[in-house]
Amino acid sequence: MAEEVFVNKVAESGLISIDLEEFYPKGTIKTFDLRGYLFMELILKEKDFRAALQTTDWSVYQDAYVAINCSVDAIIPMWAYMLVASHLQPVAKDVVFGDEQKLINSLFLKNLAHFDVVVM
């Protein structure tokens, strides 16, 4: 009986195998919660908010990926998120408006977009 030879047709097809874990964000991921800056966890007072941001230690976010969100059900004006982002911009690697999962998804897609495919 002749010896059977197995041929790996997938390896010969030229398909590229990708390990998606390579695109998972590497680095520290932190969340900036606006909840602690609200009056009675309900209302954002602009003067108090701006003063509190001035005294915040932003170095804890150094070289981290930061998600800015509010964990309580309150109406937060968009300028509040942008003001926090302006303070984080010099220290953080990247800033996203949303929860931690949205940050991870955003970073994953950015990393995937930089994937260089070589067509043979």
C-alpha atoms as a PDB file:
ATOM      1  CA  MET A   1       0.000   0.000   0.000  1.00  0.00           C
ATOM      2  CA  ALA A   2       1.301   3.453  -0.915  1.00  0.00           C
ATOM      3  CA  GLU A   3       2.125   5.889   1.839  1.00  0.00           C
ATOM      4  CA  GLU A   4      -0.452   8.698   2.167  1.00  0.00           C
ATOM      5  CA  VAL A   5       0.883  12.243   2.147  1.00  0.00           C
ATOM      6  CA  PHE A   6      -1.127  14.899   3.884  1.00  0.00           C
ATOM      7  CA  VAL A   7      -0.997  18.329   2.300  1.00  0.00           C
ATOM      8  CA  ASN A   8      -1.818  21.403   4.352  1.00  0.00           C
ATOM      9  CA  LYS A   9      -3.896  23.309   1.818  1.00  0.00           C
ATOM     10  CA  VAL A  10      -4.511  26.193   4.215  1.00  0.00           C
ATOM     11  CA  ALA A  11      -0.761  26.833   4.559  1.00  0.00           C
ATOM     12  CA  GLU A  12      -0.379  26.738   0.784  1.00  0.00           C
ATOM     13  CA  SER A  13      -3.346  29.047   0.149  1.00  0.00           C
ATOM     14  CA  GLY A  14      -1.508  32.230   1.159  1.00  0.00           C
ATOM     15  CA  LEU A  15      -3.966  33.088   3.939  1.00  0.00           C
ATOM     16  CA  ILE A  16      -2.584  35.237   6.713  1.00  0.00           C
ATOM     17  CA  SER A  17      -3.187  34.102  10.258  1.00  0.00           C
ATOM     18  CA  ILE A  18      -3.720  36.964  12.722  1.00  0.00           C
ATOM     19  CA  ASP A  19      -3.443  36.763  16.498  1.00  0.00           C
ATOM     20  CA  LEU A  20      -5.993  39.335  17.688  1.00  0.00           C
ATOM     21  CA  GLU A  21      -4.366  39.524  21.116  1.00  0.00           C
ATOM     22  CA  GLU A  22      -1.542  41.457  19.464  1.00  0.00           C
ATOM     23  CA  PHE A  23      -3.985  44.316  18.869  1.00  0.00           C
ATOM     24  CA  TYR A  24      -5.348  44.407  22.428  1.00  0.00           C
ATOM     25  CA  PRO A  25      -4.328  47.680  24.135  1.00  0.00           C
ATOM     26  CA  LYS A  26      -1.099  47.454  26.078  1.00  0.00           C
ATOM     27  CA  GLY A  27      -0.635  49.875  28.932  1.00  0.00           C
ATOM     28  CA  THR A  28      -2.489  51.247  31.894  1.00  0.00           C
ATOM     29  CA  ILE A  29      -6.216  51.835  31.507  1.00  0.00           C
ATOM     30  CA  LYS A  30      -7.905  54.245  33.920  1.00  0.00           C
ATOM     31  CA  THR A  31     -11.324  55.821  34.307  1.00  0.00           C
ATOM     32  CA  PHE A  32     -12.042  59.421  35.254  1.00  0.00           C
ATOM     33  CA  ASP A  33     -15.480  59.453  36.873  1.00  0.00           C
ATOM     34  CA  LEU A  34     -17.305  62.786  37.059  1.00  0.00           C
ATOM     35  CA  ARG A  35     -19.458  61.436  39.892  1.00  0.00           C
ATOM     36  CA  GLY A  36     -17.102  62.760  42.579  1.00  0.00           C
ATOM     37  CA  TYR A  37     -17.325  66.278  41.166  1.00  0.00           C
ATOM     38  CA  LEU A  38     -21.121  66.553  41.305  1.00  0.00           C
ATOM     39  CA  PHE A  39     -23.081  68.339  44.015  1.00  0.00           C
ATOM     40  CA  MET A  40     -25.181  65.663  45.747  1.00  0.00           C
ATOM     41  CA  GLU A  41     -24.231  63.355  42.836  1.00  0.00           C
ATOM     42  CA  LEU A  42     -26.849  65.166  40.807  1.00  0.00           C
ATOM     43  CA  ILE A  43     -25.778  68.633  39.713  1.00  0.00           C
ATOM     44  CA  LEU A  44     -22.605  70.018  38.196  1.00  0.00           C
ATOM     45  CA  LYS A  45     -21.770  73.447  39.612  1.00  0.00           C
ATOM     46  CA  GLU A  46     -19.425  75.081  37.144  1.00  0.00           C
ATOM     47  CA  LYS A  47     -17.440  77.238  39.566  1.00  0.00           C
ATOM     48  CA  ASP A  48     -16.864  74.385  42.031  1.00  0.00           C
ATOM     49  CA  PHE A  49     -16.102  71.970  39.198  1.00  0.00           C
ATOM     50  CA  ARG A  50     -13.455  74.212  37.658  1.00  0.00           C
ATOM     51  CA  ALA A  51     -11.869  74.812  41.075  1.00  0.00           C
ATOM     52  CA  ALA A  52     -11.800  71.082  41.821  1.00  0.00           C
ATOM     53  CA  LEU A  53     -10.148  70.329  38.478  1.00  0.00           C
ATOM     54  CA  GLN A  54      -7.417  72.851  39.269  1.00  0.00           C
ATOM     55  CA  THR A  55      -6.547  70.948  42.457  1.00  0.00           C
ATOM     56  CA  THR A  56      -6.768  67.465  40.916  1.00  0.00           C
ATOM     57  CA  ASP A  57      -3.532  65.463  40.774  1.00  0.00           C
ATOM     58  CA  TRP A  58      -3.311  64.715  37.057  1.00  0.00           C
ATOM     59  CA  SER A  59      -0.015  62.846  37.410  1.00  0.00           C
ATOM     60  CA  VAL A  60      -1.905  59.651  38.338  1.00  0.00           C
ATOM     61  CA  TYR A  61      -3.016  59.534  34.692  1.00  0.00           C
ATOM     62  CA  GLN A  62       0.542  59.864  33.357  1.00  0.00           C
ATOM     63  CA  ASP A  63       1.023  57.666  30.245  1.00  0.00           C
ATOM     64  CA  ALA A  64      -2.339  55.948  30.768  1.00  0.00           C
ATOM     65  CA  TYR A  65      -5.323  55.439  28.514  1.00  0.00           C
ATOM     66  CA  VAL A  66      -8.239  57.262  30.150  1.00  0.00           C
ATOM     67  CA  ALA A  67     -12.001  56.875  29.778  1.00  0.00           C
ATOM     68  CA  ILE A  68     -14.043  59.869  30.945  1.00  0.00           C
ATOM     69  CA  ASN A  69     -17.530  58.987  32.125  1.00  0.00           C
ATOM     70  CA  CYS A  70     -20.157  59.619  34.785  1.00  0.00           C
ATOM     71  CA  SER A  71     -21.325  56.564  36.724  1.00  0.00           C
ATOM     72  CA  VAL A  72     -24.519  58.178  38.025  1.00  0.00           C
ATOM     73  CA  ASP A  73     -27.615  59.238  36.151  1.00  0.00           C
ATOM     74  CA  ALA A  74     -27.027  62.978  35.862  1.00  0.00           C
ATOM     75  CA  ILE A  75     -27.174  65.439  33.000  1.00  0.00           C
ATOM     76  CA  ILE A  76     -23.606  66.555  32.350  1.00  0.00           C
ATOM     77  CA  PRO A  77     -22.949  69.335  29.826  1.00  0.00           C
ATOM     78  CA  MET A  78     -20.549  68.391  27.048  1.00  0.00           C
ATOM     79  CA  TRP A  79     -18.138  71.187  27.959  1.00  0.00           C
ATOM     80  CA  ALA A  80     -17.440  69.387  31.275  1.00  0.00           C
ATOM     81  CA  TYR A  81     -16.120  66.333  29.438  1.00  0.00           C
ATOM     82  CA  MET A  82     -14.052  68.539  27.138  1.00  0.00           C
ATOM     83  CA  LEU A  83     -12.641  70.477  30.097  1.00  0.00           C
ATOM     84  CA  VAL A  84     -11.505  67.248  31.759  1.00  0.00           C
ATOM     85  CA  ALA A  85     -10.018  66.083  28.440  1.00  0.00           C
ATOM     86  CA  SER A  86      -8.077  69.336  28.130  1.00  0.00           C
ATOM     87  CA  HIS A  87      -6.496  68.661  31.533  1.00  0.00           C
ATOM     88  CA  LEU A  88      -5.742  65.038  30.631  1.00  0.00           C
ATOM     89  CA  GLN A  89      -4.349  65.730  27.159  1.00  0.00           C
ATOM     90  CA  PRO A  90      -0.810  66.675  28.287  1.00  0.00           C
ATOM     91  CA  VAL A  91      -0.382  63.610  30.522  1.00  0.00           C
ATOM     92  CA  ALA A  92      -2.499  60.770  29.110  1.00  0.00           C
ATOM     93  CA  LYS A  93      -1.675  58.659  26.049  1.00  0.00           C
ATOM     94  CA  ASP A  94      -5.269  58.759  24.812  1.00  0.00           C
ATOM     95  CA  VAL A  95      -8.649  59.971  26.078  1.00  0.00           C
ATOM     96  CA  VAL A  96     -12.083  58.593  25.195  1.00  0.00           C
ATOM     97  CA  PHE A  97     -15.544  59.739  26.291  1.00  0.00           C
ATOM     98  CA  GLY A  98     -17.329  56.653  27.610  1.00  0.00           C
ATOM     99  CA  ASP A  99     -16.756  53.685  29.869  1.00  0.00           C
ATOM    100  CA  GLU A 100     -13.714  51.425  30.075  1.00  0.00           C
ATOM    101  CA  GLN A 101     -15.100  48.965  27.528  1.00  0.00           C
ATOM    102  CA  LYS A 102     -15.597  51.743  24.975  1.00  0.00           C
ATOM    103  CA  LEU A 103     -11.991  52.810  25.570  1.00  0.00           C
ATOM    104  CA  ILE A 104     -10.719  49.274  25.006  1.00  0.00           C
ATOM    105  CA  ASN A 105     -12.808  48.927  21.832  1.00  0.00           C
ATOM    106  CA  SER A 106     -11.541  52.262  20.525  1.00  0.00           C
ATOM    107  CA  LEU A 107      -7.895  51.380  21.182  1.00  0.00           C
ATOM    108  CA  PHE A 108      -8.344  47.917  19.681  1.00  0.00           C
ATOM    109  CA  LEU A 109      -9.761  49.401  16.469  1.00  0.00           C
ATOM    110  CA  LYS A 110      -6.962  51.998  16.289  1.00  0.00           C
ATOM    111  CA  ASN A 111      -4.346  49.262  16.659  1.00  0.00           C
ATOM    112  CA  LEU A 112      -6.100  47.150  14.051  1.00  0.00           C
ATOM    113  CA  ALA A 113      -6.227  50.097  11.642  1.00  0.00           C
ATOM    114  CA  HIS A 114      -2.428  50.305  11.764  1.00  0.00           C
ATOM    115  CA  PHE A 115      -2.094  46.671  10.736  1.00  0.00           C
ATOM    116  CA  ASP A 116       0.003  46.543   7.583  1.00  0.00           C
ATOM    117  CA  VAL A 117      -1.135  43.888   5.132  1.00  0.00           C
ATOM    118  CA  VAL A 118       1.348  42.853   2.475  1.00  0.00           C
ATOM    119  CA  VAL A 119      -0.328  41.454  -0.634  1.00  0.00           C
ATOM    120  CA  MET A 120       1.733  38.948  -2.568  1.00  0.00           C
END
